[in-house]
Amino acid sequence: MIALTEGSAATCGICGKQTSIKFTTERIGGTAYDLACQHRNGYCETCDRLVPDRSEHIREVVPRCPTCNPEEIEADE
């Protein structure tokens, strides 16, 4: 697992930009990473990277990894 803390450089799992982590919060389902690009990401332990958060509630985080679950991405589109 990579060390992701406030101020760490990161690649956004949503827009793909090189950015930084503004803050992290513990939520139902794990840690949410709010980035300087204004996107909230989750973390995929299998791929060891930030991925889109598909939660519908602010209290939750549901990482959606396009590598591990490509069929989930297609169903959302």
Protein backbone atom coordinates (compact mmCIF):
# COMPACT_ATOMS: atom_id res chain seq x y z
CA MET A 1 0.00 0.00 0.00
CA ILE A 2 1.25 3.47 -0.86
CA ALA A 3 1.38 6.14 1.83
CA LEU A 4 -1.32 8.68 1.02
CA THR A 5 -1.51 11.62 3.41
CA GLU A 6 -2.50 15.27 3.18
CA GLY A 7 -0.17 17.08 0.80
CA SER A 8 1.02 13.91 -0.96
CA ALA A 9 1.31 14.00 -4.74
CA ALA A 10 -1.27 11.80 -6.42
CA THR A 11 -2.84 10.98 -9.77
CA CYS A 12 -6.61 11.46 -9.77
CA GLY A 13 -8.54 8.30 -10.61
CA ILE A 14 -11.29 10.39 -12.22
CA CYS A 15 -9.59 13.06 -14.37
CA GLY A 16 -6.09 11.56 -14.52
CA LYS A 17 -4.37 14.82 -13.51
CA GLN A 18 -1.28 14.96 -11.35
CA THR A 19 -2.54 16.70 -8.22
CA SER A 20 -2.23 16.53 -4.44
CA ILE A 21 -4.33 15.26 -1.58
CA LYS A 22 -6.13 18.08 0.23
CA PHE A 23 -7.48 15.88 3.03
CA THR A 24 -8.51 12.35 3.89
CA THR A 25 -11.53 11.20 5.86
CA GLU A 26 -12.57 7.84 7.25
CA ARG A 27 -15.98 6.86 5.90
CA ILE A 28 -18.12 3.77 5.72
CA GLY A 29 -16.21 1.50 3.36
CA GLY A 30 -12.73 2.96 3.92
CA THR A 31 -10.78 6.15 3.46
CA ALA A 32 -11.89 8.88 1.05
CA TYR A 33 -9.24 11.07 -0.57
CA ASP A 34 -10.30 14.60 -1.49
CA LEU A 35 -7.91 16.00 -4.08
CA ALA A 36 -6.85 19.49 -5.17
CA CYS A 37 -8.55 18.85 -8.55
CA GLN A 38 -11.86 18.79 -6.60
CA HIS A 39 -12.51 15.05 -7.04
CA ARG A 40 -13.03 12.50 -4.28
CA ASN A 41 -11.31 9.18 -4.84
CA GLY A 42 -11.22 5.81 -3.14
CA TYR A 43 -8.30 3.42 -3.08
CA CYS A 44 -7.94 0.09 -4.89
CA GLU A 45 -5.75 -2.21 -2.81
CA THR A 46 -5.34 -4.63 -5.71
CA CYS A 47 -4.00 -2.01 -8.14
CA ASP A 48 -2.37 0.15 -5.44
CA ARG A 49 -3.79 3.42 -6.81
CA LEU A 50 -6.55 5.98 -6.45
CA VAL A 51 -9.78 5.19 -8.29
CA PRO A 52 -13.18 6.88 -8.71
CA ASP A 53 -15.54 6.86 -5.73
CA ARG A 54 -18.99 5.70 -6.80
CA SER A 55 -20.80 6.24 -3.50
CA GLU A 56 -24.11 8.04 -3.54
CA HIS A 57 -23.79 9.29 0.05
CA ILE A 58 -21.18 11.60 1.54
CA ARG A 59 -20.75 9.27 4.54
CA GLU A 60 -19.58 6.39 2.34
CA VAL A 61 -16.76 5.60 -0.04
CA VAL A 62 -17.15 2.92 -2.71
CA PRO A 63 -13.99 2.62 -4.82
CA ARG A 64 -14.74 1.78 -8.47
CA CYS A 65 -11.63 0.41 -10.13
CA PRO A 66 -11.78 0.37 -13.95
CA THR A 67 -9.04 -2.29 -14.04
CA CYS A 68 -10.49 -4.71 -11.48
CA ASN A 69 -14.17 -4.19 -12.39
CA PRO A 70 -14.47 -3.03 -16.02
CA GLU A 71 -18.00 -4.47 -16.29
CA GLU A 72 -19.13 -2.11 -13.52
CA ILE A 73 -17.90 0.91 -15.52
CA GLU A 74 -19.81 -0.20 -18.63
CA ALA A 75 -23.01 -0.70 -16.62
CA ASP A 76 -22.80 2.88 -15.28
CA GLU A 77 -22.44 4.51 -18.70
